[in-house]
Amino acid sequence: MTPAVPPAVSSAASSIPSSIPSSIPSSIPSSVAGHAALDALSGPLADALIGAALAMTALMATAVVLTRSTVRQAIVLSGYGMVLGLLFLILQAPDVAMSQIGVGTVLLPLIVVLALHTTRRYRDTGGGENERDPGRGTGTGSGAGTEAGGAGRGPGEREAPR
């Protein structure tokens, strides 16, 4: 028993033009259907290139971790960002590669170096604009070295527990 087809569906099916081919021919040249990119990165040579890029990425990541000096580590981090961007380019992700090169090679090491410069400048000046010993208080108040209701303590002495 065949199911009944409503008249609206059968009339819509009959209005499909007959010029649409029923199957796509398999003899399309590789340059037409976007297969040229697949052919360019296939085979043993491409596999060797991807393997070499992965090995270089692993070596650069290890170099970043093992570098002791922070300024040198920022420079090696920049090289790691470049190698990672190259890996993305080999894996045919040019948009990700451009972002990685911009952020990982230029921006991130620049932020690290600027942060190192700022913290070293702060450390070299003895703590910035407030050069007083934090254990001595602010220097304002009625008593020299005394708290309200307590005896005076020298620098580095703690208050007795209550």
C-alpha atoms as a PDB file:
ATOM      1  CA  MET A   1       0.000   0.000   0.000  1.00  0.00           C
ATOM      2  CA  THR A   2       1.508   3.381  -1.001  1.00  0.00           C
ATOM      3  CA  PRO A   3       0.970   6.463   1.163  1.00  0.00           C
ATOM      4  CA  ALA A   4      -1.283   9.148  -0.191  1.00  0.00           C
ATOM      5  CA  VAL A   5       0.547  12.312  -1.274  1.00  0.00           C
ATOM      6  CA  PRO A   6      -1.337  15.568  -0.797  1.00  0.00           C
ATOM      7  CA  PRO A   7      -2.019  17.441  -4.051  1.00  0.00           C
ATOM      8  CA  ALA A   8       0.050  20.506  -2.992  1.00  0.00           C
ATOM      9  CA  VAL A   9       3.182  18.376  -2.558  1.00  0.00           C
ATOM     10  CA  SER A  10       2.770  16.520  -5.829  1.00  0.00           C
ATOM     11  CA  SER A  11       2.297  19.779  -7.776  1.00  0.00           C
ATOM     12  CA  ALA A  12       5.435  21.314  -6.139  1.00  0.00           C
ATOM     13  CA  ALA A  13       7.460  18.237  -7.038  1.00  0.00           C
ATOM     14  CA  SER A  14       6.360  18.454 -10.655  1.00  0.00           C
ATOM     15  CA  SER A  15       7.490  22.115 -10.874  1.00  0.00           C
ATOM     16  CA  ILE A  16      11.198  21.240 -10.334  1.00  0.00           C
ATOM     17  CA  PRO A  17      13.053  21.993 -13.562  1.00  0.00           C
ATOM     18  CA  SER A  18      14.465  18.998 -15.335  1.00  0.00           C
ATOM     19  CA  SER A  19      17.682  20.857 -16.245  1.00  0.00           C
ATOM     20  CA  ILE A  20      19.262  20.080 -12.841  1.00  0.00           C
ATOM     21  CA  PRO A  21      21.608  17.113 -13.265  1.00  0.00           C
ATOM     22  CA  SER A  22      20.835  14.111 -11.145  1.00  0.00           C
ATOM     23  CA  SER A  23      24.500  13.431 -10.326  1.00  0.00           C
ATOM     24  CA  ILE A  24      27.690  15.469 -10.316  1.00  0.00           C
ATOM     25  CA  PRO A  25      30.296  14.118 -12.720  1.00  0.00           C
ATOM     26  CA  SER A  26      33.404  12.723 -11.051  1.00  0.00           C
ATOM     27  CA  SER A  27      35.707  14.020 -13.809  1.00  0.00           C
ATOM     28  CA  ILE A  28      35.947  17.588 -12.420  1.00  0.00           C
ATOM     29  CA  PRO A  29      39.536  18.838 -12.653  1.00  0.00           C
ATOM     30  CA  SER A  30      41.294  19.250  -9.305  1.00  0.00           C
ATOM     31  CA  SER A  31      41.806  22.980  -9.885  1.00  0.00           C
ATOM     32  CA  VAL A  32      38.061  23.599 -10.178  1.00  0.00           C
ATOM     33  CA  ALA A  33      36.478  22.195  -7.029  1.00  0.00           C
ATOM     34  CA  GLY A  34      39.067  23.450  -4.531  1.00  0.00           C
ATOM     35  CA  HIS A  35      41.021  20.219  -4.594  1.00  0.00           C
ATOM     36  CA  ALA A  36      44.258  21.978  -5.568  1.00  0.00           C
ATOM     37  CA  ALA A  37      44.876  22.967  -1.948  1.00  0.00           C
ATOM     38  CA  LEU A  38      44.410  19.374  -0.826  1.00  0.00           C
ATOM     39  CA  ASP A  39      46.823  18.120  -3.462  1.00  0.00           C
ATOM     40  CA  ALA A  40      49.448  20.700  -2.464  1.00  0.00           C
ATOM     41  CA  LEU A  41      49.571  19.539   1.156  1.00  0.00           C
ATOM     42  CA  SER A  42      49.337  15.801   0.815  1.00  0.00           C
ATOM     43  CA  GLY A  43      51.890  13.113   0.512  1.00  0.00           C
ATOM     44  CA  PRO A  44      55.073  12.198   2.355  1.00  0.00           C
ATOM     45  CA  LEU A  45      56.789  15.559   1.808  1.00  0.00           C
ATOM     46  CA  ALA A  46      53.904  17.457   3.386  1.00  0.00           C
ATOM     47  CA  ASP A  47      53.845  15.017   6.285  1.00  0.00           C
ATOM     48  CA  ALA A  48      57.563  15.602   6.821  1.00  0.00           C
ATOM     49  CA  LEU A  49      57.016  19.385   6.753  1.00  0.00           C
ATOM     50  CA  ILE A  50      54.223  19.178   9.327  1.00  0.00           C
ATOM     51  CA  GLY A  51      56.329  16.868  11.509  1.00  0.00           C
ATOM     52  CA  ALA A  52      59.299  19.239  11.335  1.00  0.00           C
ATOM     53  CA  ALA A  53      57.079  22.208  12.248  1.00  0.00           C
ATOM     54  CA  LEU A  54      55.623  20.300  15.204  1.00  0.00           C
ATOM     55  CA  ALA A  55      59.104  19.309  16.382  1.00  0.00           C
ATOM     56  CA  MET A  56      60.316  22.910  16.092  1.00  0.00           C
ATOM     57  CA  THR A  57      57.276  24.084  18.072  1.00  0.00           C
ATOM     58  CA  ALA A  58      58.012  21.557  20.824  1.00  0.00           C
ATOM     59  CA  LEU A  59      61.679  22.615  20.937  1.00  0.00           C
ATOM     60  CA  MET A  60      60.806  26.299  21.166  1.00  0.00           C
ATOM     61  CA  ALA A  61      58.253  25.645  23.920  1.00  0.00           C
ATOM     62  CA  THR A  62      60.921  23.755  25.867  1.00  0.00           C
ATOM     63  CA  ALA A  63      63.375  26.610  25.320  1.00  0.00           C
ATOM     64  CA  VAL A  64      60.855  29.119  26.705  1.00  0.00           C
ATOM     65  CA  VAL A  65      60.347  27.032  29.841  1.00  0.00           C
ATOM     66  CA  LEU A  66      64.064  26.425  30.436  1.00  0.00           C
ATOM     67  CA  THR A  67      65.196  30.039  29.940  1.00  0.00           C
ATOM     68  CA  ARG A  68      66.042  31.575  33.336  1.00  0.00           C
ATOM     69  CA  SER A  69      66.420  35.286  32.603  1.00  0.00           C
ATOM     70  CA  THR A  70      63.055  36.980  32.214  1.00  0.00           C
ATOM     71  CA  VAL A  71      64.161  39.367  29.466  1.00  0.00           C
ATOM     72  CA  ARG A  72      65.695  36.506  27.483  1.00  0.00           C
ATOM     73  CA  GLN A  73      62.559  34.479  28.105  1.00  0.00           C
ATOM     74  CA  ALA A  74      60.470  37.240  26.512  1.00  0.00           C
ATOM     75  CA  ILE A  75      62.737  37.141  23.444  1.00  0.00           C
ATOM     76  CA  VAL A  76      62.508  33.336  23.210  1.00  0.00           C
ATOM     77  CA  LEU A  77      58.736  33.650  23.674  1.00  0.00           C
ATOM     78  CA  SER A  78      58.672  35.894  20.626  1.00  0.00           C
ATOM     79  CA  GLY A  79      60.503  33.239  18.618  1.00  0.00           C
ATOM     80  CA  TYR A  80      58.066  30.620  19.878  1.00  0.00           C
ATOM     81  CA  GLY A  81      55.155  32.768  18.680  1.00  0.00           C
ATOM     82  CA  MET A  82      56.763  32.998  15.241  1.00  0.00           C
ATOM     83  CA  VAL A  83      57.282  29.222  15.005  1.00  0.00           C
ATOM     84  CA  LEU A  84      53.715  28.605  16.156  1.00  0.00           C
ATOM     85  CA  GLY A  85      52.445  31.044  13.522  1.00  0.00           C
ATOM     86  CA  LEU A  86      54.478  29.179  10.903  1.00  0.00           C
ATOM     87  CA  LEU A  87      52.911  25.905  12.051  1.00  0.00           C
ATOM     88  CA  PHE A  88      49.431  27.383  11.643  1.00  0.00           C
ATOM     89  CA  LEU A  89      50.369  28.598   8.173  1.00  0.00           C
ATOM     90  CA  ILE A  90      51.601  25.119   7.199  1.00  0.00           C
ATOM     91  CA  LEU A  91      48.348  23.641   8.523  1.00  0.00           C
ATOM     92  CA  GLN A  92      46.477  26.034   6.175  1.00  0.00           C
ATOM     93  CA  ALA A  93      45.031  28.352   8.797  1.00  0.00           C
ATOM     94  CA  PRO A  94      46.334  31.732   7.589  1.00  0.00           C
ATOM     95  CA  ASP A  95      43.913  33.778   9.696  1.00  0.00           C
ATOM     96  CA  VAL A  96      44.996  32.038  12.885  1.00  0.00           C
ATOM     97  CA  ALA A  97      48.638  32.372  11.793  1.00  0.00           C
ATOM     98  CA  MET A  98      48.294  36.136  11.312  1.00  0.00           C
ATOM     99  CA  SER A  99      46.679  36.509  14.730  1.00  0.00           C
ATOM    100  CA  GLN A 100      49.357  34.367  16.374  1.00  0.00           C
ATOM    101  CA  ILE A 101      52.185  36.294  14.761  1.00  0.00           C
ATOM    102  CA  GLY A 102      50.631  39.599  15.774  1.00  0.00           C
ATOM    103  CA  VAL A 103      49.839  38.650  19.342  1.00  0.00           C
ATOM    104  CA  GLY A 104      52.378  35.953  20.182  1.00  0.00           C
ATOM    105  CA  THR A 105      55.380  37.440  18.410  1.00  0.00           C
ATOM    106  CA  VAL A 106      54.901  41.166  18.944  1.00  0.00           C
ATOM    107  CA  LEU A 107      52.293  42.083  21.534  1.00  0.00           C
ATOM    108  CA  LEU A 108      52.819  39.534  24.321  1.00  0.00           C
ATOM    109  CA  PRO A 109      56.642  39.885  24.518  1.00  0.00           C
ATOM    110  CA  LEU A 110      56.258  43.669  24.397  1.00  0.00           C
ATOM    111  CA  ILE A 111      53.865  43.590  27.362  1.00  0.00           C
ATOM    112  CA  VAL A 112      56.226  41.289  29.289  1.00  0.00           C
ATOM    113  CA  VAL A 113      59.262  43.545  28.650  1.00  0.00           C
ATOM    114  CA  LEU A 114      57.315  46.685  29.610  1.00  0.00           C
ATOM    115  CA  ALA A 115      56.089  45.027  32.816  1.00  0.00           C
ATOM    116  CA  LEU A 116      59.653  43.976  33.670  1.00  0.00           C
ATOM    117  CA  HIS A 117      60.916  47.492  33.022  1.00  0.00           C
ATOM    118  CA  THR A 118      58.202  49.017  35.216  1.00  0.00           C
ATOM    119  CA  THR A 119      58.750  46.630  38.119  1.00  0.00           C
ATOM    120  CA  ARG A 120      62.523  47.090  37.998  1.00  0.00           C
ATOM    121  CA  ARG A 121      62.150  50.862  37.993  1.00  0.00           C
ATOM    122  CA  TYR A 122      59.772  50.621  40.953  1.00  0.00           C
ATOM    123  CA  ARG A 123      62.149  48.302  42.821  1.00  0.00           C
ATOM    124  CA  ASP A 124      65.239  50.457  42.111  1.00  0.00           C
ATOM    125  CA  THR A 125      63.650  53.626  43.501  1.00  0.00           C
ATOM    126  CA  GLY A 126      62.837  51.948  46.806  1.00  0.00           C
ATOM    127  CA  GLY A 127      59.104  51.570  46.380  1.00  0.00           C
ATOM    128  CA  GLY A 128      58.045  54.520  44.272  1.00  0.00           C
ATOM    129  CA  GLU A 129      56.839  57.777  45.756  1.00  0.00           C
ATOM    130  CA  ASN A 130      56.226  56.392  49.272  1.00  0.00           C
ATOM    131  CA  GLU A 131      59.760  55.770  50.540  1.00  0.00           C
ATOM    132  CA  ARG A 132      58.917  55.508  54.245  1.00  0.00           C
ATOM    133  CA  ASP A 133      59.284  52.280  56.161  1.00  0.00           C
ATOM    134  CA  PRO A 134      55.824  50.672  56.270  1.00  0.00           C
ATOM    135  CA  GLY A 135      56.495  49.350  59.796  1.00  0.00           C
ATOM    136  CA  ARG A 136      56.794  52.859  61.208  1.00  0.00           C
ATOM    137  CA  GLY A 137      53.348  54.119  60.272  1.00  0.00           C
ATOM    138  CA  THR A 138      52.448  57.196  58.290  1.00  0.00           C
ATOM    139  CA  GLY A 139      54.193  59.736  60.504  1.00  0.00           C
ATOM    140  CA  THR A 140      51.015  61.639  61.287  1.00  0.00           C
ATOM    141  CA  GLY A 141      49.265  61.540  64.608  1.00  0.00           C
ATOM    142  CA  SER A 142      49.684  62.700  68.168  1.00  0.00           C
ATOM    143  CA  GLY A 143      52.337  60.322  69.458  1.00  0.00           C
ATOM    144  CA  ALA A 144      55.735  59.501  68.046  1.00  0.00           C
ATOM    145  CA  GLY A 145      55.692  55.743  67.678  1.00  0.00           C
ATOM    146  CA  THR A 146      52.750  55.154  70.003  1.00  0.00           C
ATOM    147  CA  GLU A 147      49.317  53.896  69.277  1.00  0.00           C
ATOM    148  CA  ALA A 148      46.215  55.072  71.055  1.00  0.00           C
ATOM    149  CA  GLY A 149      46.310  53.448  74.474  1.00  0.00           C
ATOM    150  CA  GLY A 150      49.451  51.399  73.904  1.00  0.00           C
ATOM    151  CA  ALA A 151      53.145  51.667  74.549  1.00  0.00           C
ATOM    152  CA  GLY A 152      55.559  52.599  71.797  1.00  0.00           C
ATOM    153  CA  ARG A 153      57.235  49.827  69.810  1.00  0.00           C
ATOM    154  CA  GLY A 154      60.340  49.963  67.738  1.00  0.00           C
ATOM    155  CA  PRO A 155      60.438  49.076  64.067  1.00  0.00           C
ATOM    156  CA  GLY A 156      59.938  45.371  63.485  1.00  0.00           C
ATOM    157  CA  GLU A 157      58.372  44.698  66.914  1.00  0.00           C
ATOM    158  CA  ARG A 158      54.943  43.182  66.847  1.00  0.00           C
ATOM    159  CA  GLU A 159      52.030  43.863  69.116  1.00  0.00           C
ATOM    160  CA  ALA A 160      51.553  41.294  71.881  1.00  0.00           C
ATOM    161  CA  PRO A 161      48.575  39.002  71.313  1.00  0.00           C
ATOM    162  CA  ARG A 162      45.558  39.712  73.493  1.00  0.00           C
END
